[in-house]
């Protein structure tokens, strides 16, 4: 299958990116999900096990989107992050497994004693 979306839509009010694919599938991605799963080296690291857990991103917003050639999107977030290039294959893959990735992220936050909430302080560690 050609992994180029047939439709790209961004709902600014809901902070939700929607992509329709040639096989009829459609995935919606929240700004928070896209931010914590940024393909940037800053987030993913340089190899498995070198990822940086993203915390406090519950209310992050997308300031704007831009095409990166014909193969990807560059997303600018309001927290200053803009270095990830989201190619079509990556967006399809994370869309297809979004529920699994989201549950994994929430489990990692809990395991680290962190939160999606910005400026969260875990009072049990004080």
PDB file of N, CA and C in Angstrom:
ATOM      1  N   UNK A   1       0.836  -1.189   0.000  1.00  0.00           N
ATOM      2  CA  UNK A   1       0.000   0.000   0.000  1.00  0.00           C
ATOM      3  C   UNK A   1       0.877   1.247   0.000  1.00  0.00           C
ATOM      4  N   UNK A   2       0.462   2.215  -0.771  1.00  0.00           N
ATOM      5  CA  UNK A   2       1.089   3.528  -0.753  1.00  0.00           C
ATOM      6  C   UNK A   2       0.813   4.151   0.603  1.00  0.00           C
ATOM      7  N   UNK A   3       1.844   4.537   1.325  1.00  0.00           N
ATOM      8  CA  UNK A   3       1.671   5.084   2.670  1.00  0.00           C
ATOM      9  C   UNK A   3       1.598   6.609   2.666  1.00  0.00           C
ATOM     10  N   UNK A   4       1.034   7.171   1.617  1.00  0.00           N
ATOM     11  CA  UNK A   4       0.814   8.616   1.575  1.00  0.00           C
ATOM     12  C   UNK A   4      -0.659   8.873   1.865  1.00  0.00           C
ATOM     13  N   UNK A   5      -0.961   9.712   2.858  1.00  0.00           N
ATOM     14  CA  UNK A   5      -2.375   9.943   3.168  1.00  0.00           C
ATOM     15  C   UNK A   5      -3.119  10.577   2.004  1.00  0.00           C
ATOM     16  N   UNK A   6      -4.392  10.220   1.907  1.00  0.00           N
ATOM     17  CA  UNK A   6      -5.242  10.805   0.871  1.00  0.00           C
ATOM     18  C   UNK A   6      -5.890  12.092   1.370  1.00  0.00           C
ATOM     19  N   UNK A   7      -5.918  12.256   2.695  1.00  0.00           N
ATOM     20  CA  UNK A   7      -6.496  13.469   3.279  1.00  0.00           C
ATOM     21  C   UNK A   7      -5.793  13.767   4.596  1.00  0.00           C
ATOM     22  N   UNK A   8      -5.475  15.044   4.792  1.00  0.00           N
ATOM     23  CA  UNK A   8      -4.862  15.522   6.033  1.00  0.00           C
ATOM     24  C   UNK A   8      -5.753  16.637   6.554  1.00  0.00           C
ATOM     25  N   UNK A   9      -6.182  16.499   7.800  1.00  0.00           N
ATOM     26  CA  UNK A   9      -7.049  17.516   8.390  1.00  0.00           C
ATOM     27  C   UNK A   9      -6.586  17.785   9.815  1.00  0.00           C
ATOM     28  N   UNK A  10      -6.500  19.056  10.180  1.00  0.00           N
ATOM     29  CA  UNK A  10      -6.134  19.422  11.538  1.00  0.00           C
ATOM     30  C   UNK A  10      -7.243  20.258  12.146  1.00  0.00           C
ATOM     31  N   UNK A  11      -7.814  19.775  13.233  1.00  0.00           N
ATOM     32  CA  UNK A  11      -8.846  20.499  13.960  1.00  0.00           C
ATOM     33  C   UNK A  11      -8.158  21.258  15.090  1.00  0.00           C
ATOM     34  N   UNK A  12      -7.966  22.542  14.893  1.00  0.00           N
ATOM     35  CA  UNK A  12      -7.239  23.367  15.864  1.00  0.00           C
ATOM     36  C   UNK A  12      -7.951  23.406  17.213  1.00  0.00           C
ATOM     37  N   UNK A  13      -9.279  23.527  17.218  1.00  0.00           N
ATOM     38  CA  UNK A  13     -10.024  23.612  18.471  1.00  0.00           C
ATOM     39  C   UNK A  13      -9.848  22.343  19.313  1.00  0.00           C
ATOM     40  N   UNK A  14      -9.870  21.191  18.673  1.00  0.00           N
ATOM     41  CA  UNK A  14      -9.716  19.912  19.380  1.00  0.00           C
ATOM     42  C   UNK A  14      -8.267  19.458  19.475  1.00  0.00           C
ATOM     43  N   UNK A  15      -7.360  20.175  18.784  1.00  0.00           N
ATOM     44  CA  UNK A  15      -5.949  19.797  18.748  1.00  0.00           C
ATOM     45  C   UNK A  15      -5.808  18.335  18.322  1.00  0.00           C
ATOM     46  N   UNK A  16      -6.438  18.030  17.170  1.00  0.00           N
ATOM     47  CA  UNK A  16      -6.470  16.667  16.663  1.00  0.00           C
ATOM     48  C   UNK A  16      -6.139  16.653  15.175  1.00  0.00           C
ATOM     49  N   UNK A  17      -5.134  15.854  14.831  1.00  0.00           N
ATOM     50  CA  UNK A  17      -4.746  15.646  13.441  1.00  0.00           C
ATOM     51  C   UNK A  17      -5.427  14.378  12.944  1.00  0.00           C
ATOM     52  N   UNK A  18      -6.064  14.443  11.782  1.00  0.00           N
ATOM     53  CA  UNK A  18      -6.707  13.276  11.180  1.00  0.00           C
ATOM     54  C   UNK A  18      -6.056  12.992   9.838  1.00  0.00           C
ATOM     55  N   UNK A  19      -5.753  11.730   9.607  1.00  0.00           N
ATOM     56  CA  UNK A  19      -5.182  11.299   8.334  1.00  0.00           C
ATOM     57  C   UNK A  19      -6.004  10.151   7.784  1.00  0.00           C
ATOM     58  N   UNK A  20      -6.397  10.263   6.527  1.00  0.00           N
ATOM     59  CA  UNK A  20      -7.060   9.183   5.810  1.00  0.00           C
ATOM     60  C   UNK A  20      -6.025   8.534   4.906  1.00  0.00           C
ATOM     61  N   UNK A  21      -6.080   7.215   4.818  1.00  0.00           N
ATOM     62  CA  UNK A  21      -5.092   6.451   4.063  1.00  0.00           C
ATOM     63  C   UNK A  21      -5.740   5.772   2.858  1.00  0.00           C
ATOM     64  N   UNK A  22      -4.948   5.423   1.840  1.00  0.00           N
ATOM     65  CA  UNK A  22      -5.483   4.824   0.607  1.00  0.00           C
ATOM     66  C   UNK A  22      -6.253   3.520   0.820  1.00  0.00           C
ATOM     67  N   UNK A  23      -5.950   2.783   1.884  1.00  0.00           N
ATOM     68  CA  UNK A  23      -6.643   1.519   2.130  1.00  0.00           C
ATOM     69  C   UNK A  23      -7.976   1.714   2.851  1.00  0.00           C
ATOM     70  N   UNK A  24      -8.394   2.967   3.057  1.00  0.00           N
ATOM     71  CA  UNK A  24      -9.659   3.257   3.703  1.00  0.00           C
ATOM     72  C   UNK A  24      -9.563   3.496   5.201  1.00  0.00           C
ATOM     73  N   UNK A  25      -8.408   3.227   5.783  1.00  0.00           N
ATOM     74  CA  UNK A  25      -8.240   3.481   7.213  1.00  0.00           C
ATOM     75  C   UNK A  25      -8.103   4.972   7.465  1.00  0.00           C
ATOM     76  N   UNK A  26      -8.489   5.370   8.668  1.00  0.00           N
ATOM     77  CA  UNK A  26      -8.376   6.749   9.099  1.00  0.00           C
ATOM     78  C   UNK A  26      -7.935   6.752  10.548  1.00  0.00           C
ATOM     79  N   UNK A  27      -6.938   7.570  10.863  1.00  0.00           N
ATOM     80  CA  UNK A  27      -6.451   7.652  12.233  1.00  0.00           C
ATOM     81  C   UNK A  27      -6.504   9.095  12.691  1.00  0.00           C
ATOM     82  N   UNK A  28      -6.833   9.262  13.976  1.00  0.00           N
ATOM     83  CA  UNK A  28      -6.823  10.584  14.590  1.00  0.00           C
ATOM     84  C   UNK A  28      -5.763  10.577  15.683  1.00  0.00           C
ATOM     85  N   UNK A  29      -4.999  11.653  15.724  1.00  0.00           N
ATOM     86  CA  UNK A  29      -3.891  11.759  16.667  1.00  0.00           C
ATOM     87  C   UNK A  29      -4.059  13.039  17.482  1.00  0.00           C
ATOM     88  N   UNK A  30      -4.032  12.911  18.804  1.00  0.00           N
ATOM     89  CA  UNK A  30      -4.082  14.106  19.644  1.00  0.00           C
ATOM     90  C   UNK A  30      -2.711  14.778  19.625  1.00  0.00           C
ATOM     91  N   UNK A  31      -2.687  16.058  19.939  1.00  0.00           N
ATOM     92  CA  UNK A  31      -1.416  16.793  20.022  1.00  0.00           C
ATOM     93  C   UNK A  31      -0.502  16.137  21.052  1.00  0.00           C
ATOM     94  N   UNK A  32      -1.069  15.748  22.182  1.00  0.00           N
ATOM     95  CA  UNK A  32      -0.260  15.127  23.236  1.00  0.00           C
ATOM     96  C   UNK A  32       0.372  13.825  22.743  1.00  0.00           C
ATOM     97  N   UNK A  33      -0.404  12.983  22.074  1.00  0.00           N
ATOM     98  CA  UNK A  33       0.122  11.720  21.568  1.00  0.00           C
ATOM     99  C   UNK A  33       1.271  11.968  20.585  1.00  0.00           C
ATOM    100  N   UNK A  34       1.062  12.904  19.666  1.00  0.00           N
ATOM    101  CA  UNK A  34       2.115  13.212  18.690  1.00  0.00           C
ATOM    102  C   UNK A  34       3.363  13.766  19.369  1.00  0.00           C
ATOM    103  N   UNK A  35       3.171  14.551  20.409  1.00  0.00           N
ATOM    104  CA  UNK A  35       4.321  15.144  21.104  1.00  0.00           C
ATOM    105  C   UNK A  35       5.115  14.084  21.841  1.00  0.00           C
ATOM    106  N   UNK A  36       4.433  13.200  22.574  1.00  0.00           N
ATOM    107  CA  UNK A  36       5.178  12.207  23.359  1.00  0.00           C
ATOM    108  C   UNK A  36       5.758  11.105  22.481  1.00  0.00           C
ATOM    109  N   UNK A  37       5.236  10.951  21.269  1.00  0.00           N
ATOM    110  CA  UNK A  37       5.791   9.983  20.322  1.00  0.00           C
ATOM    111  C   UNK A  37       6.496  10.670  19.158  1.00  0.00           C
ATOM    112  N   UNK A  38       7.067  11.821  19.436  1.00  0.00           N
ATOM    113  CA  UNK A  38       7.846  12.511  18.406  1.00  0.00           C
ATOM    114  C   UNK A  38       8.993  11.606  17.950  1.00  0.00           C
ATOM    115  N   UNK A  39       9.237  11.554  16.644  1.00  0.00           N
ATOM    116  CA  UNK A  39      10.337  10.740  16.141  1.00  0.00           C
ATOM    117  C   UNK A  39      11.703  11.423  16.279  1.00  0.00           C
ATOM    118  N   UNK A  40      11.770  12.547  16.944  1.00  0.00           N
ATOM    119  CA  UNK A  40      13.027  13.291  17.076  1.00  0.00           C
ATOM    120  C   UNK A  40      14.037  12.532  17.934  1.00  0.00           C
ATOM    121  N   UNK A  41      15.305  12.817  17.719  1.00  0.00           N
ATOM    122  CA  UNK A  41      16.360  12.223  18.542  1.00  0.00           C
ATOM    123  C   UNK A  41      16.234  12.689  19.989  1.00  0.00           C
ATOM    124  N   UNK A  42      15.726  13.884  20.189  1.00  0.00           N
ATOM    125  CA  UNK A  42      15.521  14.419  21.536  1.00  0.00           C
ATOM    126  C   UNK A  42      14.584  13.522  22.350  1.00  0.00           C
ATOM    127  N   UNK A  43      13.587  12.937  21.706  1.00  0.00           N
ATOM    128  CA  UNK A  43      12.616  12.075  22.377  1.00  0.00           C
ATOM    129  C   UNK A  43      12.995  10.604  22.237  1.00  0.00           C
ATOM    130  N   UNK A  44      13.279  10.145  21.036  1.00  0.00           N
ATOM    131  CA  UNK A  44      13.569   8.737  20.754  1.00  0.00           C
ATOM    132  C   UNK A  44      14.973   8.322  21.147  1.00  0.00           C
ATOM    133  N   UNK A  45      15.888   9.279  21.255  1.00  0.00           N
ATOM    134  CA  UNK A  45      17.270   8.929  21.536  1.00  0.00           C
ATOM    135  C   UNK A  45      17.940   8.383  20.289  1.00  0.00           C
ATOM    136  N   UNK A  46      19.088   7.777  20.499  1.00  0.00           N
ATOM    137  CA  UNK A  46      19.845   7.212  19.382  1.00  0.00           C
ATOM    138  C   UNK A  46      19.939   5.698  19.531  1.00  0.00           C
ATOM    139  N   UNK A  47      18.787   5.077  19.601  1.00  0.00           N
ATOM    140  CA  UNK A  47      18.734   3.626  19.722  1.00  0.00           C
ATOM    141  C   UNK A  47      17.799   3.216  20.842  1.00  0.00           C
ATOM    142  N   UNK A  48      17.349   1.969  20.774  1.00  0.00           N
ATOM    143  CA  UNK A  48      16.405   1.449  21.757  1.00  0.00           C
ATOM    144  C   UNK A  48      16.997   1.526  23.158  1.00  0.00           C
ATOM    145  N   UNK A  49      16.180   1.973  24.094  1.00  0.00           N
ATOM    146  CA  UNK A  49      16.627   2.107  25.471  1.00  0.00           C
ATOM    147  C   UNK A  49      17.154   3.492  25.807  1.00  0.00           C
ATOM    148  N   UNK A  50      17.276   4.351  24.803  1.00  0.00           N
ATOM    149  CA  UNK A  50      17.785   5.709  25.024  1.00  0.00           C
ATOM    150  C   UNK A  50      16.686   6.761  24.947  1.00  0.00           C
ATOM    151  N   UNK A  51      15.427   6.326  24.984  1.00  0.00           N
ATOM    152  CA  UNK A  51      14.300   7.247  24.884  1.00  0.00           C
ATOM    153  C   UNK A  51      14.241   8.138  26.120  1.00  0.00           C
ATOM    154  N   UNK A  52      13.676   9.331  25.941  1.00  0.00           N
ATOM    155  CA  UNK A  52      13.444  10.244  27.051  1.00  0.00           C
ATOM    156  C   UNK A  52      11.942  10.307  27.285  1.00  0.00           C
ATOM    157  N   UNK A  53      11.512   9.869  28.460  1.00  0.00           N
ATOM    158  CA  UNK A  53      10.086   9.885  28.793  1.00  0.00           C
ATOM    159  C   UNK A  53       9.605  11.328  28.831  1.00  0.00           C
ATOM    160  N   UNK A  54       8.551  11.597  28.086  1.00  0.00           N
ATOM    161  CA  UNK A  54       7.974  12.939  28.023  1.00  0.00           C
ATOM    162  C   UNK A  54       6.905  13.066  29.105  1.00  0.00           C
ATOM    163  N   UNK A  55       7.055  14.030  29.975  1.00  0.00           N
ATOM    164  CA  UNK A  55       6.118  14.217  31.082  1.00  0.00           C
ATOM    165  C   UNK A  55       5.498  15.608  30.998  1.00  0.00           C
ATOM    166  N   UNK A  56       4.331  15.746  31.596  1.00  0.00           N
ATOM    167  CA  UNK A  56       3.673  17.052  31.671  1.00  0.00           C
ATOM    168  C   UNK A  56       3.188  17.597  30.342  1.00  0.00           C
ATOM    169  N   UNK A  57       2.835  16.729  29.407  1.00  0.00           N
ATOM    170  CA  UNK A  57       2.453  17.170  28.060  1.00  0.00           C
ATOM    171  C   UNK A  57       0.944  17.128  27.802  1.00  0.00           C
ATOM    172  N   UNK A  58       0.157  16.955  28.842  1.00  0.00           N
ATOM    173  CA  UNK A  58      -1.290  16.805  28.679  1.00  0.00           C
ATOM    174  C   UNK A  58      -1.929  17.956  27.905  1.00  0.00           C
ATOM    175  N   UNK A  59      -1.471  19.164  28.120  1.00  0.00           N
ATOM    176  CA  UNK A  59      -2.106  20.325  27.502  1.00  0.00           C
ATOM    177  C   UNK A  59      -1.278  20.946  26.368  1.00  0.00           C
ATOM    178  N   UNK A  60      -0.288  20.215  25.867  1.00  0.00           N
ATOM    179  CA  UNK A  60       0.524  20.737  24.767  1.00  0.00           C
ATOM    180  C   UNK A  60      -0.372  20.949  23.542  1.00  0.00           C
ATOM    181  N   UNK A  61      -0.063  21.974  22.779  1.00  0.00           N
ATOM    182  CA  UNK A  61      -0.837  22.226  21.563  1.00  0.00           C
ATOM    183  C   UNK A  61       0.085  22.305  20.357  1.00  0.00           C
ATOM    184  N   UNK A  62      -0.528  22.127  19.205  1.00  0.00           N
ATOM    185  CA  UNK A  62       0.193  22.260  17.945  1.00  0.00           C
ATOM    186  C   UNK A  62       0.014  23.697  17.474  1.00  0.00           C
ATOM    187  N   UNK A  63       1.138  24.392  17.316  1.00  0.00           N
ATOM    188  CA  UNK A  63       1.084  25.769  16.810  1.00  0.00           C
ATOM    189  C   UNK A  63       0.854  25.777  15.312  1.00  0.00           C
ATOM    190  N   UNK A  64       1.622  24.976  14.585  1.00  0.00           N
ATOM    191  CA  UNK A  64       1.385  24.829  13.151  1.00  0.00           C
ATOM    192  C   UNK A  64       2.076  23.598  12.593  1.00  0.00           C
ATOM    193  N   UNK A  65       1.596  23.209  11.420  1.00  0.00           N
ATOM    194  CA  UNK A  65       2.108  22.054  10.690  1.00  0.00           C
ATOM    195  C   UNK A  65       2.697  22.540   9.380  1.00  0.00           C
ATOM    196  N   UNK A  66       3.724  21.862   8.920  1.00  0.00           N
ATOM    197  CA  UNK A  66       4.247  22.170   7.597  1.00  0.00           C
ATOM    198  C   UNK A  66       4.680  20.879   6.919  1.00  0.00           C
ATOM    199  N   UNK A  67       4.565  20.870   5.621  1.00  0.00           N
ATOM    200  CA  UNK A  67       5.026  19.723   4.850  1.00  0.00           C
ATOM    201  C   UNK A  67       6.546  19.685   4.861  1.00  0.00           C
ATOM    202  N   UNK A  68       7.090  18.484   4.933  1.00  0.00           N
ATOM    203  CA  UNK A  68       8.530  18.262   4.801  1.00  0.00           C
ATOM    204  C   UNK A  68       8.681  17.455   3.515  1.00  0.00           C
ATOM    205  N   UNK A  69       8.867  18.164   2.432  1.00  0.00           N
ATOM    206  CA  UNK A  69       8.867  17.508   1.132  1.00  0.00           C
ATOM    207  C   UNK A  69       7.499  16.916   0.863  1.00  0.00           C
ATOM    208  N   UNK A  70       7.483  15.753   0.213  1.00  0.00           N
ATOM    209  CA  UNK A  70       6.217  15.060  -0.052  1.00  0.00           C
ATOM    210  C   UNK A  70       6.068  13.814   0.809  1.00  0.00           C
ATOM    211  N   UNK A  71       6.966  13.664   1.768  1.00  0.00           N
ATOM    212  CA  UNK A  71       7.009  12.416   2.513  1.00  0.00           C
ATOM    213  C   UNK A  71       6.691  12.550   3.996  1.00  0.00           C
ATOM    214  N   UNK A  72       6.477  13.774   4.505  1.00  0.00           N
ATOM    215  CA  UNK A  72       6.353  13.911   5.955  1.00  0.00           C
ATOM    216  C   UNK A  72       5.740  15.247   6.364  1.00  0.00           C
ATOM    217  N   UNK A  73       5.457  15.328   7.665  1.00  0.00           N
ATOM    218  CA  UNK A  73       5.015  16.568   8.296  1.00  0.00           C
ATOM    219  C   UNK A  73       6.036  16.976   9.349  1.00  0.00           C
ATOM    220  N   UNK A  74       6.208  18.253   9.487  1.00  0.00           N
ATOM    221  CA  UNK A  74       6.967  18.803  10.605  1.00  0.00           C
ATOM    222  C   UNK A  74       5.947  19.516  11.479  1.00  0.00           C
ATOM    223  N   UNK A  75       5.940  19.166  12.750  1.00  0.00           N
ATOM    224  CA  UNK A  75       4.943  19.701  13.675  1.00  0.00           C
ATOM    225  C   UNK A  75       5.630  20.618  14.678  1.00  0.00           C
ATOM    226  N   UNK A  76       5.083  21.808  14.826  1.00  0.00           N
ATOM    227  CA  UNK A  76       5.599  22.793  15.780  1.00  0.00           C
ATOM    228  C   UNK A  76       4.643  22.843  16.968  1.00  0.00           C
ATOM    229  N   UNK A  77       5.154  22.516  18.146  1.00  0.00           N
ATOM    230  CA  UNK A  77       4.353  22.490  19.365  1.00  0.00           C
ATOM    231  C   UNK A  77       4.589  23.759  20.182  1.00  0.00           C
ATOM    232  N   UNK A  78       3.624  24.075  21.032  1.00  0.00           N
ATOM    233  CA  UNK A  78       3.731  25.306  21.819  1.00  0.00           C
ATOM    234  C   UNK A  78       4.768  25.230  22.935  1.00  0.00           C
ATOM    235  N   UNK A  79       5.311  24.044  23.212  1.00  0.00           N
ATOM    236  CA  UNK A  79       6.376  23.942  24.216  1.00  0.00           C
ATOM    237  C   UNK A  79       7.760  24.132  23.589  1.00  0.00           C
ATOM    238  N   UNK A  80       7.771  24.522  22.305  1.00  0.00           N
ATOM    239  CA  UNK A  80       9.032  24.795  21.609  1.00  0.00           C
ATOM    240  C   UNK A  80       9.575  23.616  20.824  1.00  0.00           C
ATOM    241  N   UNK A  81       9.017  22.444  20.995  1.00  0.00           N
ATOM    242  CA  UNK A  81       9.518  21.268  20.276  1.00  0.00           C
ATOM    243  C   UNK A  81       9.082  21.331  18.811  1.00  0.00           C
ATOM    244  N   UNK A  82      10.046  21.181  17.909  1.00  0.00           N
ATOM    245  CA  UNK A  82       9.722  21.209  16.478  1.00  0.00           C
ATOM    246  C   UNK A  82      10.734  20.435  15.648  1.00  0.00           C
ATOM    247  N   UNK A  83      11.492  19.560  16.287  1.00  0.00           N
ATOM    248  CA  UNK A  83      12.574  18.887  15.562  1.00  0.00           C
ATOM    249  C   UNK A  83      12.207  17.519  14.991  1.00  0.00           C
ATOM    250  N   UNK A  84      11.012  17.023  15.257  1.00  0.00           N
ATOM    251  CA  UNK A  84      10.634  15.716  14.724  1.00  0.00           C
ATOM    252  C   UNK A  84      10.048  15.817  13.327  1.00  0.00           C
ATOM    253  N   UNK A  85      10.504  14.948  12.440  1.00  0.00           N
ATOM    254  CA  UNK A  85       9.928  14.837  11.096  1.00  0.00           C
ATOM    255  C   UNK A  85       9.092  13.555  11.087  1.00  0.00           C
ATOM    256  N   UNK A  86       7.787  13.729  10.965  1.00  0.00           N
ATOM    257  CA  UNK A  86       6.830  12.625  11.022  1.00  0.00           C
ATOM    258  C   UNK A  86       6.563  12.136   9.600  1.00  0.00           C
ATOM    259  N   UNK A  87       7.335  11.135   9.166  1.00  0.00           N
ATOM    260  CA  UNK A  87       7.115  10.648   7.803  1.00  0.00           C
ATOM    261  C   UNK A  87       5.854   9.797   7.773  1.00  0.00           C
ATOM    262  N   UNK A  88       5.322   9.601   6.560  1.00  0.00           N
ATOM    263  CA  UNK A  88       4.035   8.918   6.411  1.00  0.00           C
ATOM    264  C   UNK A  88       4.054   7.513   7.001  1.00  0.00           C
ATOM    265  N   UNK A  89       5.143   6.777   6.791  1.00  0.00           N
ATOM    266  CA  UNK A  89       5.222   5.422   7.333  1.00  0.00           C
ATOM    267  C   UNK A  89       5.147   5.433   8.858  1.00  0.00           C
ATOM    268  N   UNK A  90       5.844   6.372   9.477  1.00  0.00           N
ATOM    269  CA  UNK A  90       5.830   6.483  10.930  1.00  0.00           C
ATOM    270  C   UNK A  90       4.417   6.826  11.425  1.00  0.00           C
ATOM    271  N   UNK A  91       3.771   7.802  10.788  1.00  0.00           N
ATOM    272  CA  UNK A  91       2.420   8.190  11.193  1.00  0.00           C
ATOM    273  C   UNK A  91       1.430   7.033  11.025  1.00  0.00           C
ATOM    274  N   UNK A  92       1.576   6.283   9.959  1.00  0.00           N
ATOM    275  CA  UNK A  92       0.692   5.131   9.763  1.00  0.00           C
ATOM    276  C   UNK A  92       0.924   4.106  10.880  1.00  0.00           C
ATOM    277  N   UNK A  93       2.196   3.802  11.149  1.00  0.00           N
ATOM    278  CA  UNK A  93       2.546   2.793  12.157  1.00  0.00           C
ATOM    279  C   UNK A  93       2.032   3.173  13.543  1.00  0.00           C
ATOM    280  N   UNK A  94       2.237   4.436  13.962  1.00  0.00           N
ATOM    281  CA  UNK A  94       1.770   4.810  15.300  1.00  0.00           C
ATOM    282  C   UNK A  94       0.252   4.958  15.343  1.00  0.00           C
ATOM    283  N   UNK A  95      -0.356   5.271  14.212  1.00  0.00           N
ATOM    284  CA  UNK A  95      -1.816   5.330  14.157  1.00  0.00           C
ATOM    285  C   UNK A  95      -2.427   3.956  14.292  1.00  0.00           C
ATOM    286  N   UNK A  96      -1.826   3.017  13.609  1.00  0.00           N
ATOM    287  CA  UNK A  96      -2.303   1.636  13.604  1.00  0.00           C
ATOM    288  C   UNK A  96      -2.222   0.999  14.995  1.00  0.00           C
ATOM    289  N   UNK A  97      -1.212   1.394  15.772  1.00  0.00           N
ATOM    290  CA  UNK A  97      -0.989   0.800  17.098  1.00  0.00           C
ATOM    291  C   UNK A  97      -1.159   1.833  18.209  1.00  0.00           C
ATOM    292  N   UNK A  98      -1.960   2.859  17.932  1.00  0.00           N
ATOM    293  CA  UNK A  98      -2.082   3.972  18.865  1.00  0.00           C
ATOM    294  C   UNK A  98      -2.531   3.547  20.261  1.00  0.00           C
ATOM    295  N   UNK A  99      -3.507   2.673  20.353  1.00  0.00           N
ATOM    296  CA  UNK A  99      -4.012   2.240  21.655  1.00  0.00           C
ATOM    297  C   UNK A  99      -2.917   1.541  22.459  1.00  0.00           C
ATOM    298  N   UNK A 100      -2.183   0.673  21.823  1.00  0.00           N
ATOM    299  CA  UNK A 100      -1.086  -0.040  22.477  1.00  0.00           C
ATOM    300  C   UNK A 100       0.000   0.938  22.931  1.00  0.00           C
ATOM    301  N   UNK A 101       0.391   1.863  22.049  1.00  0.00           N
ATOM    302  CA  UNK A 101       1.419   2.840  22.388  1.00  0.00           C
ATOM    303  C   UNK A 101       0.972   3.746  23.535  1.00  0.00           C
ATOM    304  N   UNK A 102      -0.298   4.141  23.531  1.00  0.00           N
ATOM    305  CA  UNK A 102      -0.803   5.013  24.580  1.00  0.00           C
ATOM    306  C   UNK A 102      -0.774   4.305  25.938  1.00  0.00           C
ATOM    307  N   UNK A 103      -1.213   3.042  25.973  1.00  0.00           N
ATOM    308  CA  UNK A 103      -1.190   2.286  27.232  1.00  0.00           C
ATOM    309  C   UNK A 103       0.241   2.093  27.722  1.00  0.00           C
ATOM    310  N   UNK A 104       1.167   1.867  26.800  1.00  0.00           N
ATOM    311  CA  UNK A 104       2.580   1.725  27.154  1.00  0.00           C
ATOM    312  C   UNK A 104       3.114   3.024  27.755  1.00  0.00           C
ATOM    313  N   UNK A 105       2.754   4.139  27.159  1.00  0.00           N
ATOM    314  CA  UNK A 105       3.180   5.452  27.663  1.00  0.00           C
ATOM    315  C   UNK A 105       2.645   5.686  29.075  1.00  0.00           C
ATOM    316  N   UNK A 106       1.359   5.421  29.289  1.00  0.00           N
ATOM    317  CA  UNK A 106       0.767   5.624  30.617  1.00  0.00           C
ATOM    318  C   UNK A 106       1.432   4.726  31.660  1.00  0.00           C
ATOM    319  N   UNK A 107       1.756   3.502  31.287  1.00  0.00           N
ATOM    320  CA  UNK A 107       2.434   2.583  32.206  1.00  0.00           C
ATOM    321  C   UNK A 107       3.831   3.090  32.546  1.00  0.00           C
ATOM    322  N   UNK A 108       4.543   3.615  31.555  1.00  0.00           N
ATOM    323  CA  UNK A 108       5.891   4.152  31.809  1.00  0.00           C
ATOM    324  C   UNK A 108       5.835   5.371  32.722  1.00  0.00           C
ATOM    325  N   UNK A 109       4.828   6.218  32.525  1.00  0.00           N
ATOM    326  CA  UNK A 109       4.658   7.372  33.412  1.00  0.00           C
ATOM    327  C   UNK A 109       4.441   6.904  34.849  1.00  0.00           C
ATOM    328  N   UNK A 110       3.539   5.954  35.012  1.00  0.00           N
ATOM    329  CA  UNK A 110       3.235   5.460  36.354  1.00  0.00           C
ATOM    330  C   UNK A 110       4.459   4.829  37.005  1.00  0.00           C
ATOM    331  N   UNK A 111       5.173   4.025  36.235  1.00  0.00           N
ATOM    332  CA  UNK A 111       6.367   3.361  36.747  1.00  0.00           C
ATOM    333  C   UNK A 111       7.426   4.369  37.186  1.00  0.00           C
ATOM    334  N   UNK A 112       7.503   5.491  36.467  1.00  0.00           N
ATOM    335  CA  UNK A 112       8.487   6.532  36.789  1.00  0.00           C
ATOM    336  C   UNK A 112       7.983   7.503  37.859  1.00  0.00           C
ATOM    337  N   UNK A 113       6.735   7.327  38.302  1.00  0.00           N
ATOM    338  CA  UNK A 113       6.166   8.244  39.286  1.00  0.00           C
ATOM    339  C   UNK A 113       5.930   9.632  38.705  1.00  0.00           C
ATOM    340  N   UNK A 114       5.639   9.672  37.407  1.00  0.00           N
ATOM    341  CA  UNK A 114       5.442  10.938  36.706  1.00  0.00           C
ATOM    342  C   UNK A 114       3.992  11.073  36.273  1.00  0.00           C
ATOM    343  N   UNK A 115       3.686  12.198  35.632  1.00  0.00           N
ATOM    344  CA  UNK A 115       2.314  12.482  35.251  1.00  0.00           C
ATOM    345  C   UNK A 115       2.247  13.162  33.894  1.00  0.00           C
ATOM    346  N   UNK A 116       1.063  13.080  33.300  1.00  0.00           N
ATOM    347  CA  UNK A 116       0.770  13.835  32.079  1.00  0.00           C
ATOM    348  C   UNK A 116       0.571  15.306  32.407  1.00  0.00           C
ATOM    349  N   UNK A 117       0.211  15.597  33.643  1.00  0.00           N
ATOM    350  CA  UNK A 117      -0.063  16.971  34.074  1.00  0.00           C
ATOM    351  C   UNK A 117       1.233  17.779  34.117  1.00  0.00           C
ATOM    352  N   UNK A 118       1.190  19.008  33.652  1.00  0.00           N
ATOM    353  CA  UNK A 118       2.388  19.852  33.757  1.00  0.00           C
ATOM    354  C   UNK A 118       2.656  20.223  35.215  1.00  0.00           C
ATOM    355  N   UNK A 119       3.930  20.348  35.553  1.00  0.00           N
ATOM    356  CA  UNK A 119       4.364  20.761  36.891  1.00  0.00           C
ATOM    357  C   UNK A 119       3.792  19.879  37.993  1.00  0.00           C
ATOM    358  N   UNK A 120       3.661  18.611  37.704  1.00  0.00           N
ATOM    359  CA  UNK A 120       3.164  17.649  38.684  1.00  0.00           C
ATOM    360  C   UNK A 120       4.239  17.389  39.726  1.00  0.00           C
ATOM    361  N   UNK A 121       3.853  17.384  40.975  1.00  0.00           N
ATOM    362  CA  UNK A 121       4.775  17.049  42.062  1.00  0.00           C
ATOM    363  C   UNK A 121       4.217  15.820  42.766  1.00  0.00           C
ATOM    364  N   UNK A 122       4.990  14.777  42.813  1.00  0.00           N
ATOM    365  CA  UNK A 122       4.570  13.558  43.488  1.00  0.00           C
ATOM    366  C   UNK A 122       4.872  13.730  44.979  1.00  0.00           C
ATOM    367  N   UNK A 123       3.831  13.991  45.771  1.00  0.00           N
ATOM    368  CA  UNK A 123       4.037  14.299  47.183  1.00  0.00           C
ATOM    369  C   UNK A 123       4.508  13.089  47.983  1.00  0.00           C
ATOM    370  N   UNK A 124       4.343  11.881  47.461  1.00  0.00           N
ATOM    371  CA  UNK A 124       4.836  10.718  48.172  1.00  0.00           C
ATOM    372  C   UNK A 124       6.357  10.637  48.133  1.00  0.00           C
ATOM    373  N   UNK A 125       6.982  11.407  47.231  1.00  0.00           N
ATOM    374  CA  UNK A 125       8.442  11.400  47.137  1.00  0.00           C
ATOM    375  C   UNK A 125       9.089  12.565  47.869  1.00  0.00           C
ATOM    376  N   UNK A 126       8.307  13.429  48.470  1.00  0.00           N
ATOM    377  CA  UNK A 126       8.860  14.583  49.187  1.00  0.00           C
ATOM    378  C   UNK A 126       9.404  14.202  50.534  1.00  0.00           C
TER     379      UNK A 126
END
